[in-house]
Amino acid sequence: MSKIKYYIGRLKEANFDSLKWAINEVHKRSGISRIIIFFDMVFCSFKYLAGYMDYYYYYFESADAQTRKSFITRGINNSYIKKLNDPKYGEIFDDKIKFNEVFKDYIKRDFLDLRETSLEDFQKFVKLHPIIILKPINLQCGKNIEKITITKEMNLEDIYENAIKNEQYLIEECVLQHDKLNELFPYSVNTLRIVTARVNKKTTILFRAIRIGSGKNVVDNFNHGGMYSIINESGVITKPAIDKKSNIYTEHPVTKTRITGFTIPYFKEAIKLCEKASQKIPQVGLVGWDIAITQYGPLLIEGNNFPGYDIYQSRIHLDENGHGLRPLFDKVIFAKPEKKKF
């Protein structure tokens, strides 16, 4: 019954132009007829709770049943969220200002809530921090984030009023990333995405990746022109990076820095930071943490209580069998409590 409800809900939300696009793209690469692809997508939506974009990204048309079952799809990801994350505590993560207040010991930077800040206090803040980041408090994927370098010629009152008008209520001092990461791409903060699961009072690291900026965007987000690759337990980028359009990079197209084999500074410290942060709100057990690395160590940018699963299983980052990460996630998320020994 839950699968039927899920499918009906997805059908109501479906963007039929995107569905048509996905079918056509699968047809182009496979030669399979569009009608067969469509009905196979419908089958996979019931069998594996896979959306049509899951089908496209994960090459389901050429995958056998065992491989398909190994992938974290949209519906499976939703089941993880439902299992571990209490929606009563979601606002702490959805509201960036509340998040900064709760996790102030981990973000390690100054910030303002413009809704409670006078022009005079704003002027004092930018005098202390001449490079600032303006953020909306509840948008995701790096939307409407702006970086401003304050100069003497600027009208601070205009900046203050425009930020309020644009609902960019969160003002933060700019994070300056480690020189080593500037070698990858210096025009955005290249953040780590570390996914933790807090189950039975134990934190497990489920996924490690780095998101790298590209182009002119101040954010490194995968949905805004950025790219990403996975990191091993030692903090080394082990495979090429990939962007949203499936372009693959062994070196950065702008800086020409080699991506594969690149070592992340302070990586062990970043893992420890995430493990500690995961204990702060145990009612939200599955979190995707965004971590910046500075000259002085790691700091927390934000936490995502509905971490996007689209970067978990790109085609170039799979294991030698081409399988997804569902077995790993299932093992941890649905683990039964250990029996007490008397």
Protein backbone atom coordinates (compact mmCIF):
# COMPACT_ATOMS: atom_id res chain seq x y z
CA MET A 1 0.00 0.00 0.00
CA SER A 2 2.86 2.42 0.84
CA LYS A 3 4.36 1.92 -2.59
CA ILE A 4 1.03 2.68 -4.27
CA LYS A 5 0.64 5.86 -2.21
CA TYR A 6 4.20 6.84 -3.07
CA TYR A 7 3.63 6.25 -6.78
CA ILE A 8 0.36 8.22 -6.83
CA GLY A 9 2.09 11.08 -5.06
CA ARG A 10 4.97 11.06 -7.53
CA LEU A 11 2.55 10.96 -10.45
CA LYS A 12 0.83 14.10 -9.17
CA GLU A 13 4.19 15.85 -8.82
CA ALA A 14 5.56 14.67 -12.16
CA ASN A 15 6.92 17.19 -14.63
CA PHE A 16 5.86 15.58 -17.88
CA ASP A 17 8.31 17.63 -19.94
CA SER A 18 11.14 16.27 -17.79
CA LEU A 19 9.70 12.76 -18.05
CA LYS A 20 9.62 13.05 -21.84
CA TRP A 21 13.19 14.37 -21.83
CA ALA A 22 14.41 11.47 -19.68
CA ILE A 23 12.72 8.91 -21.93
CA ASN A 24 14.26 10.48 -25.04
CA GLU A 25 17.75 10.57 -23.50
CA VAL A 26 17.55 6.91 -22.47
CA HIS A 27 16.31 6.06 -25.96
CA LYS A 28 19.25 7.90 -27.58
CA ARG A 29 21.89 6.08 -25.56
CA SER A 30 20.28 2.63 -25.59
CA GLY A 31 18.25 2.33 -28.79
CA ILE A 32 15.38 0.86 -26.78
CA SER A 33 11.94 1.97 -27.91
CA ARG A 34 10.39 4.83 -25.95
CA ILE A 35 7.25 2.90 -25.08
CA ILE A 36 9.28 0.05 -23.55
CA ILE A 37 11.35 2.57 -21.59
CA PHE A 38 8.20 4.26 -20.29
CA PHE A 39 6.63 1.04 -19.03
CA ASP A 40 9.93 -0.06 -17.52
CA MET A 41 10.09 3.27 -15.68
CA VAL A 42 6.60 2.61 -14.33
CA PHE A 43 7.68 -0.88 -13.25
CA CYS A 44 10.78 0.51 -11.51
CA SER A 45 8.71 3.13 -9.73
CA PHE A 46 6.69 0.33 -8.11
CA LYS A 47 9.46 -2.22 -7.64
CA TYR A 48 12.35 0.04 -6.58
CA LEU A 49 10.59 3.33 -5.73
CA ALA A 50 12.66 4.91 -8.50
CA GLY A 51 11.72 8.20 -10.14
CA TYR A 52 12.24 8.68 -13.86
CA MET A 53 15.37 10.75 -13.18
CA ASP A 54 16.69 7.90 -11.04
CA TYR A 55 16.12 5.63 -14.02
CA TYR A 56 18.04 8.04 -16.26
CA TYR A 57 20.96 8.78 -13.91
CA TYR A 58 21.46 5.17 -12.84
CA TYR A 59 21.20 3.61 -16.34
CA PHE A 60 18.43 1.29 -15.20
CA GLU A 61 17.65 0.26 -18.78
CA SER A 62 20.84 -1.84 -18.82
CA ALA A 63 20.83 -2.91 -15.16
CA ASP A 64 19.70 -6.32 -13.92
CA ALA A 65 17.36 -6.75 -10.96
CA GLN A 66 20.14 -7.19 -8.41
CA THR A 67 21.87 -4.01 -9.56
CA ARG A 68 18.65 -2.00 -9.57
CA LYS A 69 17.86 -3.16 -6.05
CA SER A 70 21.27 -1.95 -4.85
CA PHE A 71 20.56 1.71 -5.62
CA ILE A 72 19.26 4.34 -3.25
CA THR A 73 16.33 5.80 -5.18
CA ARG A 74 14.07 8.70 -4.31
CA GLY A 75 11.58 6.52 -2.48
CA ILE A 76 14.28 4.60 -0.62
CA ASN A 77 15.91 7.85 0.45
CA ASN A 78 12.54 9.03 1.73
CA SER A 79 12.27 5.86 3.81
CA TYR A 80 15.62 6.64 5.45
CA ILE A 81 14.48 10.14 6.31
CA LYS A 82 11.22 8.82 7.74
CA LYS A 83 13.08 6.24 9.81
CA LEU A 84 15.72 8.51 11.38
CA ASN A 85 14.55 12.13 11.19
CA ASP A 86 11.80 13.44 13.43
CA PRO A 87 10.03 16.23 11.48
CA LYS A 88 9.42 18.10 14.74
CA TYR A 89 13.12 19.02 14.72
CA GLY A 90 13.38 19.73 11.00
CA GLU A 91 13.10 23.50 11.42
CA ILE A 92 16.46 23.59 13.17
CA PHE A 93 18.06 22.48 9.91
CA ASP A 94 15.66 24.17 7.49
CA ASP A 95 16.12 27.62 9.00
CA LYS A 96 19.76 28.64 8.52
CA ILE A 97 19.71 31.18 11.33
CA LYS A 98 18.31 28.68 13.83
CA PHE A 99 20.90 26.20 12.64
CA ASN A 100 23.73 28.68 13.24
CA GLU A 101 22.41 29.42 16.72
CA VAL A 102 22.17 25.75 17.70
CA PHE A 103 25.51 24.78 16.12
CA LYS A 104 27.40 27.99 16.94
CA ASP A 105 30.30 26.03 18.44
CA TYR A 106 30.82 24.25 15.14
CA ILE A 107 30.30 27.02 12.55
CA LYS A 108 33.13 29.15 14.01
CA ARG A 109 32.14 32.44 12.34
CA ASP A 110 30.13 35.54 13.14
CA PHE A 111 26.64 36.08 11.76
CA LEU A 112 23.66 38.41 11.96
CA ASP A 113 19.92 38.03 11.69
CA LEU A 114 18.90 41.11 9.72
CA ARG A 115 15.36 40.84 11.02
CA GLU A 116 16.74 41.75 14.45
CA THR A 117 19.64 43.97 13.38
CA SER A 118 19.70 47.75 13.08
CA LEU A 119 21.52 49.56 10.30
CA GLU A 120 24.05 50.75 12.85
CA ASP A 121 24.81 47.19 14.01
CA PHE A 122 25.06 46.07 10.38
CA GLN A 123 27.60 48.83 9.73
CA LYS A 124 29.64 47.70 12.73
CA PHE A 125 29.54 44.10 11.47
CA VAL A 126 30.84 44.89 7.96
CA LYS A 127 33.54 47.12 9.41
CA LEU A 128 34.78 44.09 11.32
CA HIS A 129 34.11 41.69 8.41
CA PRO A 130 34.52 43.52 5.06
CA ILE A 131 33.73 40.39 3.03
CA ILE A 132 30.24 39.09 3.77
CA ILE A 133 27.89 36.37 2.57
CA LEU A 134 24.17 37.10 2.23
CA LYS A 135 21.84 34.10 2.48
CA PRO A 136 18.11 33.44 2.51
CA ILE A 137 17.23 31.44 5.59
CA ASN A 138 15.25 28.60 4.02
CA LEU A 139 16.34 28.06 0.40
CA GLN A 140 18.40 25.05 -0.64
CA CYS A 141 20.94 24.21 -3.38
CA GLY A 142 22.81 27.49 -2.98
CA LYS A 143 19.93 29.62 -4.28
CA ASN A 144 20.11 33.42 -3.85
CA ILE A 145 23.44 33.35 -2.00
CA GLU A 146 25.51 36.46 -2.61
CA LYS A 147 29.07 37.43 -1.74
CA ILE A 148 29.92 41.11 -1.27
CA THR A 149 33.28 42.74 -0.68
CA ILE A 150 32.63 46.01 1.12
CA THR A 151 34.45 49.10 -0.17
CA LYS A 152 34.40 52.76 0.93
CA GLU A 153 32.43 53.73 -2.15
CA MET A 154 29.50 51.46 -1.29
CA ASN A 155 26.30 52.68 0.30
CA LEU A 156 25.83 50.38 3.29
CA GLU A 157 22.25 51.48 3.80
CA ASP A 158 21.40 50.31 0.27
CA ILE A 159 23.05 46.93 0.87
CA TYR A 160 21.20 46.57 4.17
CA GLU A 161 17.82 47.46 2.69
CA ASN A 162 18.28 45.35 -0.45
CA ALA A 163 19.22 42.32 1.64
CA ILE A 164 16.02 42.70 3.66
CA LYS A 165 14.01 43.25 0.48
CA ASN A 166 15.48 40.08 -1.05
CA GLU A 167 14.86 38.17 2.21
CA GLN A 168 18.58 37.51 2.61
CA TYR A 169 18.21 37.74 6.35
CA LEU A 170 21.35 35.79 7.26
CA ILE A 171 24.61 37.74 7.04
CA GLU A 172 27.82 35.81 7.70
CA GLU A 173 31.47 36.65 7.68
CA CYS A 174 33.07 35.07 4.62
CA VAL A 175 34.80 31.75 5.15
CA LEU A 176 38.37 31.76 3.82
CA GLN A 177 39.28 28.27 2.74
CA HIS A 178 42.65 26.55 3.07
CA ASP A 179 45.32 27.51 0.52
CA LYS A 180 45.48 23.90 -0.60
CA LEU A 181 41.81 23.96 -1.61
CA ASN A 182 42.33 27.25 -3.42
CA GLU A 183 44.55 25.24 -5.73
CA LEU A 184 41.48 23.26 -6.78
CA PHE A 185 39.27 26.32 -7.34
CA PRO A 186 39.74 29.66 -5.54
CA TYR A 187 36.50 31.43 -6.48
CA SER A 188 34.16 29.45 -4.25
CA VAL A 189 34.50 27.55 -0.98
CA ASN A 190 34.92 23.91 -2.00
CA THR A 191 33.02 22.04 0.68
CA LEU A 192 33.01 18.47 1.88
CA ARG A 193 29.69 16.62 2.02
CA ILE A 194 29.86 14.08 4.82
CA VAL A 195 26.76 12.02 5.54
CA THR A 196 26.29 10.61 9.02
CA ALA A 197 23.73 8.22 10.47
CA ARG A 198 23.11 8.31 14.21
CA VAL A 199 21.58 4.93 15.06
CA ASN A 200 21.40 3.28 18.49
CA LYS A 201 23.54 6.09 19.96
CA LYS A 202 26.32 5.38 17.48
CA THR A 203 27.43 7.59 14.57
CA THR A 204 28.48 6.01 11.28
CA ILE A 205 29.99 7.83 8.31
CA LEU A 206 28.00 6.67 5.29
CA PHE A 207 29.36 8.89 2.53
CA ARG A 208 32.27 11.26 1.88
CA ALA A 209 32.58 13.63 -1.06
CA ILE A 210 33.98 16.99 -2.09
CA ARG A 211 32.02 19.56 -4.08
CA ILE A 212 34.16 21.80 -6.25
CA GLY A 213 33.10 25.11 -7.74
CA SER A 214 33.41 25.97 -11.40
CA GLY A 215 32.63 29.06 -13.44
CA LYS A 216 31.54 32.30 -11.77
CA ASN A 217 29.19 31.01 -9.08
CA VAL A 218 30.21 31.71 -5.47
CA VAL A 219 28.79 28.35 -4.36
CA ASP A 220 30.12 24.91 -5.20
CA ASN A 221 26.69 23.31 -5.37
CA PHE A 222 26.23 20.42 -7.80
CA ASN A 223 23.03 22.02 -9.09
CA HIS A 224 24.73 25.33 -9.82
CA GLY A 225 27.50 24.35 -12.22
CA GLY A 226 29.74 22.67 -9.67
CA MET A 227 31.21 19.19 -9.75
CA TYR A 228 31.97 16.57 -7.15
CA SER A 229 34.00 13.47 -6.46
CA ILE A 230 34.25 10.93 -3.68
CA ILE A 231 36.86 10.78 -0.93
CA ASN A 232 38.33 7.72 0.73
CA GLU A 233 38.80 7.22 4.47
CA SER A 234 42.24 8.85 4.32
CA GLY A 235 40.93 12.05 2.77
CA VAL A 236 42.13 11.41 -0.77
CA ILE A 237 39.97 12.08 -3.85
CA THR A 238 40.03 8.67 -5.46
CA LYS A 239 38.22 9.19 -8.75
CA PRO A 240 37.53 11.92 -11.33
CA ALA A 241 34.89 14.57 -10.68
CA ILE A 242 31.56 14.75 -12.48
CA ASP A 243 29.09 17.60 -13.01
CA LYS A 244 25.31 17.67 -13.45
CA LYS A 245 25.65 17.24 -17.22
CA SER A 246 27.77 14.09 -16.69
CA ASN A 247 30.97 15.75 -17.87
CA ILE A 248 33.97 14.03 -16.31
CA TYR A 249 37.09 15.81 -15.07
CA THR A 250 40.46 14.35 -14.05
CA GLU A 251 41.71 17.93 -13.65
CA HIS A 252 39.86 21.16 -12.97
CA PRO A 253 38.90 22.92 -16.24
CA VAL A 254 39.86 26.35 -14.85
CA THR A 255 42.84 25.83 -12.56
CA LYS A 256 44.17 22.68 -14.28
CA THR A 257 44.83 21.18 -10.84
CA ARG A 258 44.69 17.39 -10.92
CA ILE A 259 41.63 16.15 -9.05
CA THR A 260 42.32 12.43 -8.76
CA GLY A 261 44.83 11.85 -5.97
CA PHE A 262 44.26 15.27 -4.36
CA THR A 263 44.56 15.10 -0.56
CA ILE A 264 42.16 17.09 1.63
CA PRO A 265 43.86 18.87 4.56
CA TYR A 266 42.42 18.40 8.08
CA PHE A 267 40.25 15.55 6.86
CA LYS A 268 40.39 13.48 10.06
CA GLU A 269 39.44 16.59 12.02
CA ALA A 270 36.49 17.15 9.65
CA ILE A 271 35.23 13.63 10.31
CA LYS A 272 35.49 14.15 14.07
CA LEU A 273 33.60 17.45 13.78
CA CYS A 274 30.73 15.69 11.99
CA GLU A 275 30.65 12.91 14.53
CA LYS A 276 30.36 15.44 17.36
CA ALA A 277 27.76 17.53 15.52
CA SER A 278 25.65 14.41 14.89
CA GLN A 279 25.15 14.07 18.64
CA LYS A 280 23.74 17.58 19.06
CA ILE A 281 20.21 16.80 17.78
CA PRO A 282 19.91 12.99 18.03
CA GLN A 283 16.26 13.19 16.89
CA VAL A 284 17.63 13.98 13.43
CA GLY A 285 19.75 10.92 12.77
CA LEU A 286 20.52 11.20 9.05
CA VAL A 287 22.34 14.40 8.10
CA GLY A 288 24.44 15.59 5.19
CA TRP A 289 27.02 17.98 6.69
CA ASP A 290 28.70 20.63 4.55
CA ILE A 291 32.20 21.29 5.85
CA ALA A 292 34.71 23.98 4.87
CA ILE A 293 38.43 23.56 5.48
CA THR A 294 40.29 26.70 6.60
CA GLN A 295 43.94 27.30 7.46
CA TYR A 296 43.01 26.57 11.07
CA GLY A 297 40.93 23.44 10.54
CA PRO A 298 37.38 22.45 9.56
CA LEU A 299 34.18 24.33 10.28
CA LEU A 300 30.53 23.62 9.67
CA ILE A 301 28.71 25.47 6.88
CA GLU A 302 25.34 23.79 7.30
CA GLY A 303 23.55 20.52 7.91
CA ASN A 304 20.94 18.99 5.63
CA ASN A 305 18.22 16.91 7.26
CA PHE A 306 17.04 15.80 3.83
CA PRO A 307 20.41 15.11 2.20
CA GLY A 308 20.26 14.84 -1.56
CA TYR A 309 21.01 11.32 -2.71
CA ASP A 310 21.82 12.38 -6.29
CA ILE A 311 25.56 12.53 -5.56
CA TYR A 312 25.77 9.14 -3.83
CA GLN A 313 25.93 6.91 -6.88
CA SER A 314 27.21 8.52 -10.07
CA ARG A 315 28.20 6.06 -12.77
CA ILE A 316 31.94 6.77 -12.48
CA HIS A 317 31.96 6.42 -8.69
CA LEU A 318 30.40 2.97 -8.35
CA ASP A 319 32.24 -0.13 -7.21
CA GLU A 320 33.65 -2.71 -9.61
CA ASN A 321 30.25 -4.43 -9.79
CA GLY A 322 28.43 -1.23 -10.68
CA HIS A 323 26.28 -1.49 -7.57
CA GLY A 324 24.78 1.34 -5.53
CA LEU A 325 25.05 2.15 -1.83
CA ARG A 326 21.72 0.86 -0.58
CA PRO A 327 23.15 -2.28 1.12
CA LEU A 328 25.52 -0.11 3.17
CA PHE A 329 22.83 2.40 4.12
CA ASP A 330 20.29 -0.33 4.92
CA LYS A 331 22.73 -2.18 7.16
CA VAL A 332 23.39 0.90 9.25
CA ILE A 333 19.99 2.63 9.23
CA PHE A 334 17.92 -0.46 9.99
CA ALA A 335 20.37 -1.99 12.46
CA LYS A 336 18.75 -3.49 15.54
CA PRO A 337 19.95 -2.40 18.98
CA GLU A 338 22.58 -4.66 20.49
CA LYS A 339 21.28 -6.87 23.24
CA LYS A 340 22.51 -5.91 26.67
CA LYS A 341 24.81 -8.40 28.34
CA PHE A 342 23.96 -9.15 31.94
